[in-house]
């Protein structure tokens, strides 16, 4: 088939200090170029603080990455990064999704 199922887990602990955007790289196959919103998915979080809303994962159409976004109650989408959308402590993000190749 042409369907890939992915489960991921990313996080920051007291012993590491990553910077930049929070994303998952190295998906096993390239996401279909004509990927639809059906590939977007909810992400479970722990200690992520961006003032409400929810976290969504968006696979890059034609790529092998997954970008994580904050979706606020007013509908704005903002990329989550390690420094501005966290409360400075240990954080974790996890999710599962499928996509077509």
N, C-alpha and C. Protein backbone atom coordinates (compact mmCIF):
# COMPACT_ATOMS: atom_id res chain seq x y z
N UNK A 1 0.82 -1.19 0.00
CA UNK A 1 0.00 0.00 0.00
C UNK A 1 0.86 1.25 0.00
N UNK A 2 0.17 2.34 0.00
CA UNK A 2 0.87 3.62 -0.02
C UNK A 2 0.63 4.42 1.26
N UNK A 3 0.30 3.76 2.36
CA UNK A 3 -0.01 4.43 3.63
C UNK A 3 1.09 4.13 4.65
N UNK A 4 1.59 5.19 5.29
CA UNK A 4 2.64 5.06 6.30
C UNK A 4 2.05 5.48 7.65
N UNK A 5 2.31 4.70 8.69
CA UNK A 5 1.83 5.01 10.05
C UNK A 5 3.04 5.38 10.91
N UNK A 6 2.93 6.51 11.60
CA UNK A 6 4.05 7.04 12.37
C UNK A 6 3.60 7.36 13.80
N UNK A 7 4.41 6.99 14.76
CA UNK A 7 4.26 7.41 16.15
C UNK A 7 5.57 8.07 16.54
N UNK A 8 5.51 9.23 17.19
CA UNK A 8 6.72 9.95 17.55
C UNK A 8 6.64 10.52 18.96
N UNK A 9 7.81 10.88 19.46
CA UNK A 9 7.94 11.45 20.80
C UNK A 9 9.16 12.35 20.77
N UNK A 10 8.99 13.62 21.10
CA UNK A 10 10.10 14.55 21.19
C UNK A 10 10.02 15.25 22.53
N UNK A 11 11.16 15.69 23.04
CA UNK A 11 11.14 16.36 24.32
C UNK A 11 12.43 17.07 24.65
N UNK A 12 12.34 17.85 25.69
CA UNK A 12 13.50 18.55 26.23
C UNK A 12 13.57 18.25 27.72
N UNK A 13 14.75 17.91 28.20
CA UNK A 13 14.93 17.61 29.62
C UNK A 13 15.78 18.70 30.26
N UNK A 14 16.04 18.53 31.51
CA UNK A 14 16.90 19.47 32.23
C UNK A 14 18.32 19.43 31.70
N UNK A 15 18.72 18.38 31.01
CA UNK A 15 20.10 18.23 30.60
C UNK A 15 20.38 18.62 29.16
N UNK A 16 19.37 18.97 28.40
CA UNK A 16 19.64 19.45 27.04
C UNK A 16 18.87 20.74 26.79
N UNK A 17 19.39 21.58 25.91
CA UNK A 17 18.76 22.87 25.62
C UNK A 17 18.71 23.11 24.12
N UNK A 18 17.83 22.41 23.42
CA UNK A 18 17.71 22.63 21.97
C UNK A 18 17.16 24.03 21.69
N UNK A 19 17.37 24.49 20.49
CA UNK A 19 16.86 25.80 20.06
C UNK A 19 16.19 25.63 18.70
N UNK A 20 15.40 26.61 18.31
CA UNK A 20 14.76 26.60 17.00
C UNK A 20 13.40 25.92 17.03
N UNK A 21 12.88 25.66 15.85
CA UNK A 21 11.55 25.08 15.68
C UNK A 21 11.51 23.65 16.21
N UNK A 22 10.33 23.27 16.71
CA UNK A 22 10.12 21.89 17.14
C UNK A 22 9.52 21.13 15.96
N UNK A 23 10.25 20.15 15.48
CA UNK A 23 9.76 19.34 14.37
C UNK A 23 10.31 17.94 14.49
N UNK A 24 9.72 17.05 13.72
CA UNK A 24 10.19 15.68 13.63
C UNK A 24 10.74 15.52 12.22
N UNK A 25 11.98 15.10 12.12
CA UNK A 25 12.58 14.92 10.79
C UNK A 25 12.84 13.45 10.54
N UNK A 26 13.10 13.14 9.29
CA UNK A 26 13.45 11.77 8.93
C UNK A 26 12.27 10.81 8.86
N UNK A 27 11.10 11.31 8.43
CA UNK A 27 10.00 10.38 8.21
C UNK A 27 10.48 9.31 7.23
N UNK A 28 10.01 8.08 7.35
CA UNK A 28 10.59 6.99 6.56
C UNK A 28 10.38 7.10 5.05
N UNK A 29 9.34 7.80 4.62
CA UNK A 29 9.06 7.98 3.19
C UNK A 29 8.62 9.41 2.97
N UNK A 30 8.78 9.90 1.76
CA UNK A 30 8.36 11.25 1.40
C UNK A 30 6.84 11.35 1.44
N UNK A 31 6.35 12.42 2.08
CA UNK A 31 4.91 12.67 2.16
C UNK A 31 4.41 13.03 0.76
N UNK A 32 3.26 12.49 0.39
CA UNK A 32 2.67 12.77 -0.91
C UNK A 32 2.67 14.27 -1.17
N UNK A 33 3.06 14.68 -2.38
CA UNK A 33 3.14 16.09 -2.73
C UNK A 33 1.78 16.77 -2.63
N UNK A 34 0.72 16.04 -2.97
CA UNK A 34 -0.63 16.61 -2.93
C UNK A 34 -1.30 16.30 -1.59
N UNK A 35 -0.50 16.32 -0.50
CA UNK A 35 -1.05 15.99 0.83
C UNK A 35 -2.17 16.95 1.20
N UNK A 36 -3.18 16.42 1.85
CA UNK A 36 -4.33 17.25 2.23
C UNK A 36 -4.34 17.50 3.73
N UNK A 37 -5.29 18.30 4.17
CA UNK A 37 -5.44 18.58 5.60
C UNK A 37 -5.73 17.32 6.40
N UNK A 38 -6.08 16.23 5.75
CA UNK A 38 -6.36 14.98 6.46
C UNK A 38 -5.12 14.47 7.18
N UNK A 39 -3.94 14.90 6.77
CA UNK A 39 -2.70 14.47 7.41
C UNK A 39 -2.41 15.26 8.69
N UNK A 40 -3.08 16.38 8.92
CA UNK A 40 -2.88 17.17 10.14
C UNK A 40 -3.41 16.35 11.31
N UNK A 41 -2.79 16.48 12.47
CA UNK A 41 -3.23 15.69 13.61
C UNK A 41 -2.95 16.41 14.93
N UNK A 42 -3.70 16.05 15.93
CA UNK A 42 -3.54 16.61 17.27
C UNK A 42 -2.30 16.02 17.92
N UNK A 43 -1.60 16.84 18.71
CA UNK A 43 -0.39 16.41 19.40
C UNK A 43 -0.60 16.53 20.90
N UNK A 44 -0.34 15.47 21.64
CA UNK A 44 -0.42 15.53 23.10
C UNK A 44 0.84 16.21 23.63
N UNK A 45 0.69 17.10 24.61
CA UNK A 45 1.83 17.84 25.14
C UNK A 45 1.89 17.77 26.66
N UNK A 46 3.08 18.00 27.18
CA UNK A 46 3.29 18.11 28.62
C UNK A 46 4.20 19.30 28.87
N UNK A 47 3.75 20.26 29.65
CA UNK A 47 4.49 21.47 30.01
C UNK A 47 4.72 22.43 28.85
N UNK A 48 3.94 22.37 27.80
CA UNK A 48 4.02 23.36 26.73
C UNK A 48 3.04 24.48 27.10
N UNK A 49 3.51 25.72 27.09
CA UNK A 49 2.71 26.84 27.54
C UNK A 49 2.69 27.93 26.48
N UNK A 50 1.59 28.01 25.74
CA UNK A 50 1.45 29.10 24.78
C UNK A 50 0.11 29.79 24.92
N UNK A 51 -0.49 29.71 26.09
CA UNK A 51 -1.67 30.50 26.39
C UNK A 51 -2.98 30.00 25.82
N UNK A 52 -3.16 28.73 25.68
CA UNK A 52 -4.43 28.19 25.22
C UNK A 52 -4.35 27.63 23.81
N UNK A 53 -5.45 27.12 23.34
CA UNK A 53 -5.49 26.51 22.03
C UNK A 53 -5.04 25.06 22.09
N UNK A 54 -4.47 24.57 21.00
CA UNK A 54 -4.02 23.19 20.94
C UNK A 54 -2.79 23.10 20.07
N UNK A 55 -2.16 21.95 20.08
CA UNK A 55 -0.96 21.72 19.28
C UNK A 55 -1.31 20.78 18.14
N UNK A 56 -0.87 21.14 16.93
CA UNK A 56 -1.14 20.33 15.75
C UNK A 56 0.17 19.97 15.06
N UNK A 57 0.22 18.77 14.48
CA UNK A 57 1.34 18.34 13.67
C UNK A 57 0.96 18.41 12.21
N UNK A 58 1.86 18.95 11.39
CA UNK A 58 1.59 19.11 9.96
C UNK A 58 2.75 18.53 9.16
N UNK A 59 2.55 17.38 8.51
CA UNK A 59 3.60 16.82 7.66
C UNK A 59 3.86 17.73 6.45
N UNK A 60 5.12 17.86 6.06
CA UNK A 60 5.49 18.69 4.92
C UNK A 60 5.21 17.95 3.62
N UNK A 61 4.28 18.45 2.82
CA UNK A 61 3.96 17.83 1.53
C UNK A 61 5.21 17.81 0.66
N UNK A 62 5.56 16.65 0.14
CA UNK A 62 6.74 16.50 -0.69
C UNK A 62 8.04 16.43 0.10
N UNK A 63 7.95 16.31 1.43
CA UNK A 63 9.14 16.27 2.27
C UNK A 63 9.11 15.09 3.23
N UNK A 64 10.05 15.09 4.17
CA UNK A 64 10.13 14.02 5.15
C UNK A 64 10.17 14.58 6.57
N UNK A 65 9.53 15.73 6.77
CA UNK A 65 9.49 16.37 8.08
C UNK A 65 8.06 16.58 8.53
N UNK A 66 7.93 16.80 9.83
CA UNK A 66 6.65 17.11 10.46
C UNK A 66 6.88 18.35 11.32
N UNK A 67 6.18 19.44 11.05
CA UNK A 67 6.31 20.68 11.82
C UNK A 67 5.21 20.73 12.87
N UNK A 68 5.52 21.23 14.06
CA UNK A 68 4.53 21.34 15.13
C UNK A 68 4.10 22.79 15.29
N UNK A 69 2.77 23.00 15.38
CA UNK A 69 2.18 24.33 15.44
C UNK A 69 1.27 24.49 16.64
N UNK A 70 1.17 25.73 17.11
CA UNK A 70 0.18 26.13 18.09
C UNK A 70 -1.01 26.68 17.31
N UNK A 71 -2.20 26.25 17.67
CA UNK A 71 -3.41 26.78 17.05
C UNK A 71 -4.21 27.43 18.18
N UNK A 72 -4.36 28.73 18.12
CA UNK A 72 -5.05 29.44 19.19
C UNK A 72 -6.54 29.47 18.95
N UNK A 73 -7.26 29.89 19.96
CA UNK A 73 -8.72 29.93 19.88
C UNK A 73 -9.22 30.86 18.78
N UNK A 74 -8.41 31.86 18.37
CA UNK A 74 -8.83 32.76 17.30
C UNK A 74 -8.47 32.22 15.92
N UNK A 75 -7.89 31.02 15.87
CA UNK A 75 -7.61 30.37 14.60
C UNK A 75 -6.23 30.61 14.03
N UNK A 76 -5.36 31.37 14.73
CA UNK A 76 -4.02 31.63 14.23
C UNK A 76 -3.13 30.39 14.40
N UNK A 77 -2.27 30.11 13.41
CA UNK A 77 -1.32 29.00 13.46
C UNK A 77 0.08 29.60 13.59
N UNK A 78 0.82 29.18 14.63
CA UNK A 78 2.18 29.67 14.86
C UNK A 78 3.08 28.47 15.10
N UNK A 79 4.22 28.44 14.41
CA UNK A 79 5.17 27.35 14.63
C UNK A 79 5.65 27.38 16.08
N UNK A 80 5.74 26.22 16.70
CA UNK A 80 6.21 26.12 18.07
C UNK A 80 7.73 26.01 18.03
N UNK A 81 8.40 26.74 18.92
CA UNK A 81 9.84 26.57 19.03
C UNK A 81 10.19 26.26 20.48
N UNK A 82 11.41 25.82 20.69
CA UNK A 82 11.84 25.32 22.01
C UNK A 82 11.90 26.41 23.06
N UNK A 83 12.02 27.66 22.68
CA UNK A 83 12.23 28.70 23.69
C UNK A 83 11.01 29.55 23.98
N UNK A 84 10.20 29.90 23.01
CA UNK A 84 9.10 30.84 23.27
C UNK A 84 7.78 30.18 23.62
N UNK A 85 7.61 28.90 23.36
CA UNK A 85 6.34 28.24 23.64
C UNK A 85 6.45 27.20 24.73
N UNK A 86 7.45 27.32 25.55
CA UNK A 86 7.62 26.38 26.65
C UNK A 86 7.80 27.15 27.94
N UNK A 87 7.62 26.49 29.04
CA UNK A 87 7.73 27.17 30.33
C UNK A 87 9.10 27.04 30.97
N UNK A 88 10.10 26.67 30.20
CA UNK A 88 11.46 26.62 30.70
C UNK A 88 11.84 25.36 31.45
N UNK A 89 10.96 24.37 31.49
CA UNK A 89 11.27 23.12 32.19
C UNK A 89 11.22 21.97 31.21
N UNK A 90 11.19 20.77 31.73
CA UNK A 90 11.06 19.58 30.90
C UNK A 90 9.76 19.62 30.12
N UNK A 91 9.82 19.36 28.82
CA UNK A 91 8.60 19.31 28.00
C UNK A 91 8.62 18.06 27.13
N UNK A 92 7.43 17.60 26.77
CA UNK A 92 7.29 16.44 25.89
C UNK A 92 6.13 16.67 24.93
N UNK A 93 6.28 16.18 23.71
CA UNK A 93 5.23 16.21 22.71
C UNK A 93 5.20 14.85 22.04
N UNK A 94 4.01 14.31 21.86
CA UNK A 94 3.90 13.00 21.24
C UNK A 94 2.65 12.94 20.37
N UNK A 95 2.68 12.12 19.35
CA UNK A 95 1.53 11.97 18.48
C UNK A 95 1.66 10.76 17.57
N UNK A 96 0.56 10.45 16.91
CA UNK A 96 0.50 9.38 15.92
C UNK A 96 -0.30 9.88 14.74
N UNK A 97 0.11 9.49 13.55
CA UNK A 97 -0.62 9.89 12.36
C UNK A 97 -0.26 8.94 11.22
N UNK A 98 -0.97 9.08 10.14
CA UNK A 98 -0.64 8.32 8.93
C UNK A 98 -0.65 9.29 7.76
N UNK A 99 0.09 8.91 6.74
CA UNK A 99 0.13 9.74 5.52
C UNK A 99 0.32 8.85 4.31
N UNK A 100 0.01 9.40 3.15
CA UNK A 100 0.17 8.64 1.91
C UNK A 100 1.43 9.10 1.18
N UNK A 101 1.99 8.15 0.43
CA UNK A 101 3.23 8.42 -0.30
C UNK A 101 2.99 8.32 -1.79
